Amino acid sequence: DGVGTKLKVAFLSGRHGTVGRDLVNHCVNDILVQGARPLFFLDYLAVGVMDEDVVTEVVAGVALGCRENGCALLGGETAQMPDFYAAGEYDLAGFVVGVVERDRVLDGSAVRVGDLLVGIASTGLHTNGYTLARRVVFDQLGLGPDDPFPTTGQSVADELLRAHRSYVRSLLPILEGGRVHALAHITGGGIPGNLPRVLGPGLGAVVRRDSWELSPVFGVLQRAGSLSLEEMDRVFNMGVGMIAIVHPAHADGVIDSLRSEGETAWIMGEIEAGQGVRYG
């Protein structure tokens, strides 16, 4: 996977230390939804002109992400391609391998009507929706990376470069206990685009929008960009980084376990007969 156009914010701000963590955390979350524990990681960094300081900063972020997730950074590739990338720009991609016992694979087959949705908060936009977010913040609001981001008390760069959160350390112990029927990593496509992927035929989900308070960054983007709620739902994670689907008898215990690991977690809906996602 990659980091998408979040890299443009790193270029603009001159801050390259977080995008490597973004890359690792996004990738390990993607295999976590199958129940897998990450084993090792490889990265690919492509540049036009080699800037050793930038490369060092990016790779240090990748290495930190690997340490935080308990996986080995085995190596990778740094490609120099003059005339292909603009000065000061690069691309970054990663590849992760994990392991899960065959009888522990999460494939959604255990999900049933009446199961509850446990939302786990994101740290912000994570790594999706940045093309739209950049247009709103830099073009429509006319802000620069060091300007204050409205309502948050943080700079634009601080707000937009918040690291994509990894849920590996908080969720793996819960998965080992067999208390989760399915996981959905909320990335591009938002909740409506990702949650149905783990639901079998004849199953839909009701999401209770009033069960969590929207982070200020999303409110600013919606108002300043004159964006419909439907577009917001489709483009952004809306403050939800991961959704765990659990039996009602396990919901309180799962939430308690997540909160003890520092996560913000809550019941945000349930599984119903039907198709897709509807908001209640």
Protein backbone atom coordinates (compact mmCIF):
# COMPACT_ATOMS: atom_id res chain seq x y z
CA ASP A 1 0.00 0.00 0.00
CA GLY A 2 0.98 3.66 0.00
CA VAL A 3 0.33 6.92 1.83
CA GLY A 4 -1.51 8.65 -1.02
CA THR A 5 -1.53 12.41 -1.37
CA LYS A 6 -0.84 12.90 2.33
CA LEU A 7 2.72 13.02 1.02
CA LYS A 8 1.89 16.41 -0.51
CA VAL A 9 1.42 17.80 2.99
CA ALA A 10 4.82 16.42 3.99
CA PHE A 11 6.41 18.08 0.94
CA LEU A 12 4.74 21.40 1.66
CA SER A 13 5.62 21.43 5.36
CA GLY A 14 9.10 19.92 5.03
CA ARG A 15 8.17 17.35 7.68
CA HIS A 16 8.87 13.76 6.60
CA GLY A 17 9.12 11.85 9.86
CA THR A 18 5.50 10.69 10.16
CA VAL A 19 4.72 9.31 6.70
CA GLY A 20 6.83 6.20 7.26
CA ARG A 21 4.81 5.37 10.39
CA ASP A 22 1.63 6.05 8.40
CA LEU A 23 2.73 3.51 5.81
CA VAL A 24 3.53 0.74 8.29
CA ASN A 25 0.42 1.32 10.42
CA HIS A 26 -1.91 1.36 7.41
CA CYS A 27 -0.44 -1.91 6.12
CA VAL A 28 -0.49 -3.78 9.44
CA ASN A 29 -4.09 -2.71 10.04
CA ASP A 30 -5.00 -4.11 6.63
CA ILE A 31 -3.78 -7.59 7.56
CA LEU A 32 -5.03 -7.31 11.13
CA VAL A 33 -8.60 -7.42 9.78
CA GLN A 34 -7.84 -11.01 8.68
CA GLY A 35 -6.63 -11.77 12.20
CA ALA A 36 -2.95 -11.68 11.20
CA ARG A 37 0.02 -10.62 13.29
CA PRO A 38 2.69 -8.75 11.26
CA LEU A 39 6.00 -10.53 10.79
CA PHE A 40 8.10 -8.40 8.44
CA PHE A 41 7.94 -5.32 6.25
CA LEU A 42 9.61 -4.06 3.08
CA ASP A 43 9.54 -0.48 1.84
CA TYR A 44 9.97 1.23 -1.53
CA LEU A 45 11.01 4.87 -1.77
CA ALA A 46 11.28 6.55 -5.18
CA VAL A 47 12.84 10.00 -5.57
CA GLY A 48 13.83 12.32 -8.38
CA VAL A 49 16.95 13.70 -6.75
CA MET A 50 18.39 12.03 -3.67
CA ASP A 51 18.22 14.19 -0.55
CA GLU A 52 19.93 12.15 2.14
CA ASP A 53 18.35 14.07 4.99
CA VAL A 54 14.81 13.51 3.66
CA VAL A 55 15.46 9.84 2.90
CA THR A 56 16.89 9.31 6.39
CA GLU A 57 13.84 10.97 7.96
CA VAL A 58 11.37 8.91 5.94
CA VAL A 59 13.13 5.58 6.55
CA ALA A 60 13.49 6.37 10.26
CA GLY A 61 9.70 6.72 10.39
CA VAL A 62 9.30 3.33 8.70
CA ALA A 63 11.71 1.75 11.17
CA LEU A 64 9.87 3.30 14.12
CA GLY A 65 6.55 2.00 12.80
CA CYS A 66 7.98 -1.49 12.52
CA ARG A 67 9.34 -1.40 16.08
CA GLU A 68 6.01 -0.18 17.42
CA ASN A 69 4.18 -3.02 15.66
CA GLY A 70 6.65 -5.76 16.56
CA CYS A 71 7.64 -6.59 12.99
CA ALA A 72 11.04 -6.67 11.31
CA LEU A 73 12.09 -4.20 8.62
CA LEU A 74 13.94 -6.64 6.39
CA GLY A 75 14.93 -4.18 3.71
CA GLY A 76 13.56 -2.35 0.73
CA GLU A 77 14.45 -0.32 -2.33
CA THR A 78 15.35 3.32 -2.81
CA ALA A 79 15.05 4.27 -6.49
CA GLN A 80 16.44 7.49 -7.94
CA MET A 81 14.56 8.51 -11.10
CA PRO A 82 15.57 11.97 -12.35
CA ASP A 83 12.94 13.84 -14.39
CA PHE A 84 10.18 11.48 -13.16
CA TYR A 85 9.45 13.23 -9.84
CA ALA A 86 9.37 16.98 -9.26
CA ALA A 87 12.12 18.48 -7.13
CA GLY A 88 11.49 17.80 -3.45
CA GLU A 89 8.91 15.07 -4.10
CA TYR A 90 8.95 11.30 -3.72
CA ASP A 91 6.67 8.29 -3.54
CA LEU A 92 6.50 5.73 -0.76
CA ALA A 93 5.01 2.23 -0.70
CA GLY A 94 5.22 -0.77 1.56
CA PHE A 95 4.60 -4.51 1.73
CA VAL A 96 3.82 -6.48 4.88
CA VAL A 97 3.68 -10.21 5.61
CA GLY A 98 1.83 -11.58 8.62
CA VAL A 99 0.66 -14.88 10.03
CA VAL A 100 -2.60 -16.26 11.38
CA GLU A 101 -3.66 -19.84 12.10
CA ARG A 102 -6.05 -21.09 9.43
CA ASP A 103 -8.84 -21.73 11.93
CA ARG A 104 -8.44 -18.18 13.31
CA VAL A 105 -8.78 -16.31 10.01
CA LEU A 106 -11.41 -13.56 10.21
CA ASP A 107 -13.47 -13.82 7.03
CA GLY A 108 -16.83 -12.50 8.23
CA SER A 109 -18.49 -15.92 8.24
CA ALA A 110 -19.14 -15.69 12.00
CA VAL A 111 -21.11 -12.44 11.76
CA ARG A 112 -24.80 -12.78 12.67
CA VAL A 113 -27.85 -10.54 12.91
CA GLY A 114 -27.80 -8.84 16.32
CA ASP A 115 -24.01 -8.62 16.59
CA LEU A 116 -22.83 -5.22 17.78
CA LEU A 117 -20.48 -2.76 16.10
CA VAL A 118 -17.68 -1.52 18.35
CA GLY A 119 -16.12 1.65 16.98
CA ILE A 120 -12.46 2.43 17.69
CA ALA A 121 -11.45 6.06 17.21
CA SER A 122 -9.03 7.30 14.58
CA THR A 123 -6.42 9.96 15.22
CA GLY A 124 -7.74 12.13 12.40
CA LEU A 125 -7.81 11.62 8.64
CA HIS A 126 -5.27 8.76 8.79
CA THR A 127 -4.15 8.31 5.15
CA ASN A 128 -7.31 8.83 3.12
CA GLY A 129 -9.22 11.81 1.77
CA TYR A 130 -6.21 14.07 1.40
CA THR A 131 -6.91 15.21 -2.14
CA LEU A 132 -10.20 16.69 -0.99
CA ALA A 133 -8.82 17.86 2.37
CA ARG A 134 -5.90 19.67 0.72
CA ARG A 135 -8.23 21.41 -1.70
CA VAL A 136 -10.40 22.66 1.16
CA VAL A 137 -7.57 23.67 3.50
CA PHE A 138 -5.01 25.10 1.10
CA ASP A 139 -7.16 26.34 -1.80
CA GLN A 140 -10.52 27.29 -0.28
CA LEU A 141 -9.39 28.37 3.19
CA GLY A 142 -6.08 29.68 1.85
CA LEU A 143 -4.07 28.32 4.78
CA GLY A 144 -0.40 27.38 4.87
CA PRO A 145 1.16 24.47 6.79
CA ASP A 146 2.22 26.67 9.72
CA ASP A 147 -1.10 28.52 10.04
CA PRO A 148 -3.51 27.60 12.86
CA PHE A 149 -6.06 24.99 11.87
CA PRO A 150 -9.52 26.38 12.76
CA THR A 151 -10.98 25.30 16.14
CA THR A 152 -8.25 22.77 17.05
CA GLY A 153 -5.43 24.90 18.44
CA GLN A 154 -2.94 22.99 16.27
CA SER A 155 -1.11 24.05 13.13
CA VAL A 156 -2.36 22.83 9.76
CA ALA A 157 0.69 20.57 9.44
CA ASP A 158 0.20 19.16 12.95
CA GLU A 159 -3.44 18.39 12.22
CA LEU A 160 -3.01 16.91 8.75
CA LEU A 161 0.14 14.92 9.54
CA ARG A 162 -1.24 13.11 12.58
CA ALA A 163 0.01 9.53 12.25
CA HIS A 164 -2.35 6.81 11.07
CA ARG A 165 -3.10 4.81 14.22
CA SER A 166 -2.13 1.15 14.48
CA TYR A 167 -4.57 -1.12 16.31
CA VAL A 168 -2.30 -4.17 16.41
CA ARG A 169 -1.22 -4.07 20.05
CA SER A 170 -4.69 -3.28 21.37
CA LEU A 171 -6.62 -5.78 19.22
CA LEU A 172 -4.36 -8.83 18.95
CA PRO A 173 -4.99 -10.00 22.56
CA ILE A 174 -8.74 -9.68 21.96
CA LEU A 175 -8.50 -11.65 18.72
CA GLU A 176 -6.56 -14.39 20.48
CA GLY A 177 -9.48 -14.71 22.88
CA GLY A 178 -11.86 -15.37 19.97
CA ARG A 179 -14.18 -12.52 20.92
CA VAL A 180 -14.30 -10.76 17.54
CA HIS A 181 -16.38 -11.98 14.58
CA ALA A 182 -14.97 -9.51 12.05
CA LEU A 183 -12.92 -6.33 11.71
CA ALA A 184 -13.24 -3.47 9.22
CA HIS A 185 -10.37 -1.02 8.69
CA ILE A 186 -12.01 2.29 7.75
CA THR A 187 -9.92 3.72 4.92
CA GLY A 188 -10.84 5.03 1.46
CA GLY A 189 -14.58 4.74 0.97
CA GLY A 190 -15.30 5.45 4.63
CA ILE A 191 -17.67 3.34 6.70
CA PRO A 192 -20.13 2.70 3.83
CA GLY A 193 -17.32 1.48 1.58
CA ASN A 194 -15.46 -0.75 4.04
CA LEU A 195 -17.89 -2.23 6.55
CA PRO A 196 -19.94 -4.20 3.94
CA ARG A 197 -16.78 -6.04 2.87
CA VAL A 198 -16.93 -8.17 6.01
CA LEU A 199 -20.68 -8.86 5.89
CA GLY A 200 -22.04 -11.98 4.30
CA PRO A 201 -25.08 -12.22 1.98
CA GLY A 202 -28.27 -10.93 3.54
CA LEU A 203 -26.49 -8.88 6.20
CA GLY A 204 -26.42 -5.12 6.62
CA ALA A 205 -25.41 -2.71 9.35
CA VAL A 206 -27.09 0.12 11.23
CA VAL A 207 -24.64 2.84 12.28
CA ARG A 208 -25.80 5.14 15.08
CA ARG A 209 -24.33 8.47 14.05
CA ASP A 210 -25.17 10.03 17.42
CA SER A 211 -23.09 7.44 19.30
CA TRP A 212 -19.86 9.45 18.89
CA GLU A 213 -18.83 13.08 18.69
CA LEU A 214 -17.31 14.11 15.37
CA SER A 215 -13.72 15.36 15.62
CA PRO A 216 -13.41 19.11 14.91
CA VAL A 217 -11.23 18.55 11.83
CA PHE A 218 -14.12 16.89 10.01
CA GLY A 219 -16.54 19.66 10.90
CA VAL A 220 -14.13 22.27 9.55
CA LEU A 221 -13.69 20.38 6.28
CA GLN A 222 -17.44 19.93 5.83
CA ARG A 223 -18.30 23.58 6.49
CA ALA A 224 -15.41 25.15 4.59
CA GLY A 225 -15.82 22.81 1.63
CA SER A 226 -19.65 22.94 1.60
CA LEU A 227 -19.58 19.14 1.53
CA SER A 228 -22.66 16.99 1.90
CA LEU A 229 -22.78 14.47 4.71
CA GLU A 230 -22.94 11.71 2.09
CA GLU A 231 -19.66 12.89 0.54
CA MET A 232 -18.03 13.18 3.94
CA ASP A 233 -19.06 9.61 4.77
CA ARG A 234 -17.73 8.36 1.43
CA VAL A 235 -14.35 10.12 1.56
CA PHE A 236 -13.33 10.26 5.23
CA ASN A 237 -13.24 7.84 8.17
CA MET A 238 -15.30 10.36 10.20
CA GLY A 239 -13.31 9.65 13.35
CA VAL A 240 -13.63 5.86 13.21
CA GLY A 241 -10.40 4.01 12.40
CA MET A 242 -11.55 0.42 12.95
CA ILE A 243 -14.84 -1.37 13.60
CA ALA A 244 -15.00 -4.66 15.48
CA ILE A 245 -18.10 -6.82 15.12
CA VAL A 246 -18.79 -8.80 18.28
CA HIS A 247 -21.48 -10.87 19.96
CA PRO A 248 -23.52 -8.71 22.38
CA ALA A 249 -22.32 -10.80 25.33
CA HIS A 250 -18.72 -9.84 24.55
CA ALA A 251 -19.19 -6.16 23.71
CA ASP A 252 -18.58 -4.68 27.18
CA GLY A 253 -15.51 -6.83 27.75
CA VAL A 254 -14.04 -5.92 24.36
CA ILE A 255 -14.61 -2.22 25.01
CA ASP A 256 -13.05 -2.46 28.46
CA SER A 257 -10.00 -4.22 27.00
CA LEU A 258 -9.60 -1.59 24.29
CA ARG A 259 -9.93 1.28 26.74
CA SER A 260 -7.33 -0.30 29.01
CA GLU A 261 -4.93 -0.12 26.03
CA GLY A 262 -5.62 3.58 25.56
CA GLU A 263 -8.20 3.30 22.78
CA THR A 264 -11.42 5.26 22.58
CA ALA A 265 -14.09 2.61 21.94
CA TRP A 266 -17.88 2.53 22.02
CA ILE A 267 -20.94 0.68 20.67
CA MET A 268 -21.85 2.42 17.42
CA GLY A 269 -24.49 0.17 15.89
CA GLU A 270 -25.53 -3.37 15.10
CA ILE A 271 -25.89 -5.96 12.38
CA GLU A 272 -29.31 -6.41 10.81
CA ALA A 273 -30.87 -8.37 7.99
CA GLY A 274 -30.44 -6.42 4.79
CA GLN A 275 -27.60 -5.04 2.70
CA GLY A 276 -25.00 -2.29 3.00
CA VAL A 277 -24.88 0.42 5.66
CA ARG A 278 -27.67 2.67 6.81
CA TYR A 279 -27.46 5.41 9.40
CA GLY A 280 -29.92 5.46 12.28
